[in-house]
Amino acid sequence: MTGETCPDLFGLSDGDFAVIGTDRTEELDALLPESAARADCERTVVITRDTLLRAERDIPDA
């Protein structure tokens, strides 16, 4: 509403969550653990710790 841009995490009507963050796919792909996998249609997006901690209270437990 202020015209400023910033990372955000918000719920969608289907129950999923959307994340707005910095696309760092190219930079971080080689650093992902072997147990991590990313499909071609997926990107590695970084949000600040503060953003996630502030959103935590709005994420349902179940």
N, C-alpha and C. Protein backbone atom coordinates (compact mmCIF):
# COMPACT_ATOMS: atom_id res chain seq x y z
N MET A 1 0.82 -1.20 0.00
CA MET A 1 0.00 0.00 0.00
C MET A 1 0.86 1.26 0.00
N THR A 2 2.10 1.14 0.44
CA THR A 2 2.98 2.31 0.49
C THR A 2 3.76 2.48 -0.80
N GLY A 3 3.67 1.49 -1.69
CA GLY A 3 4.44 1.55 -2.92
C GLY A 3 5.83 0.97 -2.78
N GLU A 4 6.20 0.60 -1.55
CA GLU A 4 7.50 -0.01 -1.31
C GLU A 4 7.42 -1.50 -1.61
N THR A 5 8.55 -2.06 -1.99
CA THR A 5 8.60 -3.50 -2.21
C THR A 5 9.43 -4.14 -1.11
N CYS A 6 9.06 -5.34 -0.74
CA CYS A 6 9.80 -6.05 0.28
C CYS A 6 9.42 -7.52 0.24
N PRO A 7 10.20 -8.40 0.84
CA PRO A 7 9.83 -9.81 0.90
C PRO A 7 8.50 -9.97 1.62
N ASP A 8 7.77 -11.00 1.26
CA ASP A 8 6.50 -11.25 1.92
C ASP A 8 6.14 -12.71 1.78
N LEU A 9 5.32 -13.19 2.66
CA LEU A 9 4.79 -14.53 2.64
C LEU A 9 3.31 -14.40 2.92
N PHE A 10 2.47 -14.98 2.06
CA PHE A 10 1.05 -14.84 2.29
C PHE A 10 0.29 -16.09 1.87
N GLY A 11 -0.87 -16.29 2.52
CA GLY A 11 -1.69 -17.46 2.24
C GLY A 11 -2.55 -17.25 1.02
N LEU A 12 -2.75 -18.34 0.28
CA LEU A 12 -3.62 -18.33 -0.90
C LEU A 12 -4.96 -18.97 -0.54
N SER A 13 -5.96 -18.76 -1.35
CA SER A 13 -7.30 -19.26 -1.05
C SER A 13 -7.36 -20.79 -1.02
N ASP A 14 -6.41 -21.47 -1.68
CA ASP A 14 -6.41 -22.94 -1.66
C ASP A 14 -5.63 -23.53 -0.49
N GLY A 15 -5.12 -22.66 0.41
CA GLY A 15 -4.39 -23.13 1.57
C GLY A 15 -2.89 -23.14 1.39
N ASP A 16 -2.41 -23.01 0.16
CA ASP A 16 -0.97 -22.94 -0.09
C ASP A 16 -0.45 -21.55 0.29
N PHE A 17 0.87 -21.40 0.29
CA PHE A 17 1.49 -20.12 0.59
C PHE A 17 2.31 -19.65 -0.60
N ALA A 18 2.36 -18.36 -0.82
CA ALA A 18 3.20 -17.76 -1.86
C ALA A 18 4.27 -16.93 -1.15
N VAL A 19 5.46 -16.92 -1.75
CA VAL A 19 6.59 -16.19 -1.18
C VAL A 19 7.10 -15.21 -2.22
N ILE A 20 7.26 -13.97 -1.80
CA ILE A 20 7.92 -12.95 -2.62
C ILE A 20 9.28 -12.72 -1.99
N GLY A 21 10.31 -12.97 -2.75
CA GLY A 21 11.66 -12.81 -2.22
C GLY A 21 12.64 -12.60 -3.36
N THR A 22 13.91 -12.67 -3.05
CA THR A 22 14.96 -12.48 -4.02
C THR A 22 15.31 -13.81 -4.67
N ASP A 23 15.23 -13.88 -5.99
CA ASP A 23 15.58 -15.09 -6.72
C ASP A 23 17.09 -15.27 -6.71
N ARG A 24 17.55 -16.31 -6.01
CA ARG A 24 18.99 -16.59 -5.92
C ARG A 24 19.30 -18.01 -6.39
N THR A 25 18.46 -18.50 -7.31
CA THR A 25 18.59 -19.87 -7.79
C THR A 25 19.98 -20.16 -8.32
N GLU A 26 20.45 -19.35 -9.23
CA GLU A 26 21.75 -19.61 -9.86
C GLU A 26 22.88 -19.63 -8.83
N GLU A 27 22.83 -18.72 -7.90
CA GLU A 27 23.87 -18.59 -6.88
C GLU A 27 23.87 -19.76 -5.89
N LEU A 28 22.68 -20.25 -5.53
CA LEU A 28 22.58 -21.23 -4.45
C LEU A 28 22.45 -22.67 -4.91
N ASP A 29 22.16 -22.93 -6.18
CA ASP A 29 21.96 -24.31 -6.65
C ASP A 29 23.11 -25.23 -6.25
N ALA A 30 24.33 -24.80 -6.44
CA ALA A 30 25.48 -25.65 -6.15
C ALA A 30 25.68 -25.87 -4.65
N LEU A 31 25.03 -25.05 -3.82
CA LEU A 31 25.20 -25.14 -2.37
C LEU A 31 24.10 -25.94 -1.69
N LEU A 32 23.08 -26.35 -2.44
CA LEU A 32 21.98 -27.10 -1.84
C LEU A 32 22.48 -28.47 -1.39
N PRO A 33 21.94 -28.97 -0.28
CA PRO A 33 22.34 -30.31 0.17
C PRO A 33 21.87 -31.37 -0.83
N GLU A 34 22.53 -32.52 -0.82
CA GLU A 34 22.18 -33.58 -1.76
C GLU A 34 20.73 -34.02 -1.62
N SER A 35 20.16 -33.86 -0.44
CA SER A 35 18.78 -34.27 -0.20
C SER A 35 17.76 -33.29 -0.79
N ALA A 36 18.23 -32.14 -1.24
CA ALA A 36 17.33 -31.13 -1.80
C ALA A 36 17.23 -31.30 -3.31
N ALA A 37 16.04 -31.08 -3.83
CA ALA A 37 15.83 -31.16 -5.27
C ALA A 37 14.96 -30.00 -5.71
N ARG A 38 15.24 -29.49 -6.90
CA ARG A 38 14.47 -28.37 -7.44
C ARG A 38 14.08 -28.72 -8.87
N ALA A 39 12.79 -28.68 -9.15
CA ALA A 39 12.31 -28.92 -10.51
C ALA A 39 12.65 -27.72 -11.39
N ASP A 40 12.67 -27.92 -12.69
CA ASP A 40 12.97 -26.82 -13.62
C ASP A 40 12.00 -25.65 -13.48
N CYS A 41 10.77 -25.93 -13.05
CA CYS A 41 9.77 -24.86 -12.90
C CYS A 41 9.87 -24.16 -11.55
N GLU A 42 10.77 -24.59 -10.69
CA GLU A 42 10.92 -24.01 -9.35
C GLU A 42 12.16 -23.13 -9.27
N ARG A 43 12.11 -22.16 -8.38
CA ARG A 43 13.23 -21.24 -8.15
C ARG A 43 13.57 -21.26 -6.66
N THR A 44 14.80 -20.98 -6.33
CA THR A 44 15.22 -20.83 -4.94
C THR A 44 15.08 -19.35 -4.59
N VAL A 45 14.17 -19.07 -3.67
CA VAL A 45 13.86 -17.69 -3.30
C VAL A 45 14.27 -17.46 -1.86
N VAL A 46 14.93 -16.35 -1.61
CA VAL A 46 15.39 -16.01 -0.26
C VAL A 46 14.55 -14.88 0.30
N ILE A 47 14.10 -15.08 1.54
CA ILE A 47 13.44 -14.00 2.29
C ILE A 47 14.25 -13.78 3.56
N THR A 48 14.08 -12.65 4.16
CA THR A 48 14.83 -12.37 5.38
C THR A 48 14.30 -13.20 6.55
N ARG A 49 15.15 -13.43 7.50
CA ARG A 49 14.73 -14.14 8.72
C ARG A 49 13.59 -13.38 9.39
N ASP A 50 13.70 -12.07 9.42
CA ASP A 50 12.67 -11.24 10.05
C ASP A 50 11.31 -11.44 9.37
N THR A 51 11.30 -11.55 8.06
CA THR A 51 10.05 -11.76 7.33
C THR A 51 9.39 -13.06 7.77
N LEU A 52 10.17 -14.14 7.83
CA LEU A 52 9.61 -15.43 8.22
C LEU A 52 9.15 -15.44 9.67
N LEU A 53 9.93 -14.84 10.55
CA LEU A 53 9.53 -14.81 11.96
C LEU A 53 8.25 -14.00 12.16
N ARG A 54 8.10 -12.92 11.43
CA ARG A 54 6.87 -12.12 11.55
C ARG A 54 5.67 -12.86 10.99
N ALA A 55 5.89 -13.66 9.95
CA ALA A 55 4.80 -14.42 9.33
C ALA A 55 4.40 -15.64 10.16
N GLU A 56 5.30 -16.11 11.01
CA GLU A 56 5.07 -17.34 11.76
C GLU A 56 3.75 -17.31 12.53
N ARG A 57 3.42 -16.21 13.12
CA ARG A 57 2.19 -16.13 13.93
C ARG A 57 0.94 -16.27 13.08
N ASP A 58 1.04 -16.06 11.77
CA ASP A 58 -0.12 -16.17 10.89
C ASP A 58 -0.22 -17.53 10.19
N ILE A 59 0.77 -18.40 10.41
CA ILE A 59 0.76 -19.73 9.77
C ILE A 59 0.07 -20.71 10.72
N PRO A 60 -1.01 -21.34 10.24
CA PRO A 60 -1.72 -22.29 11.12
C PRO A 60 -0.88 -23.52 11.44
N ASP A 61 -1.13 -24.12 12.59
CA ASP A 61 -0.40 -25.32 13.00
C ASP A 61 -0.76 -26.54 12.16
N ALA A 62 -1.97 -26.61 11.69
CA ALA A 62 -2.40 -27.80 10.93
C ALA A 62 -3.06 -27.41 9.64
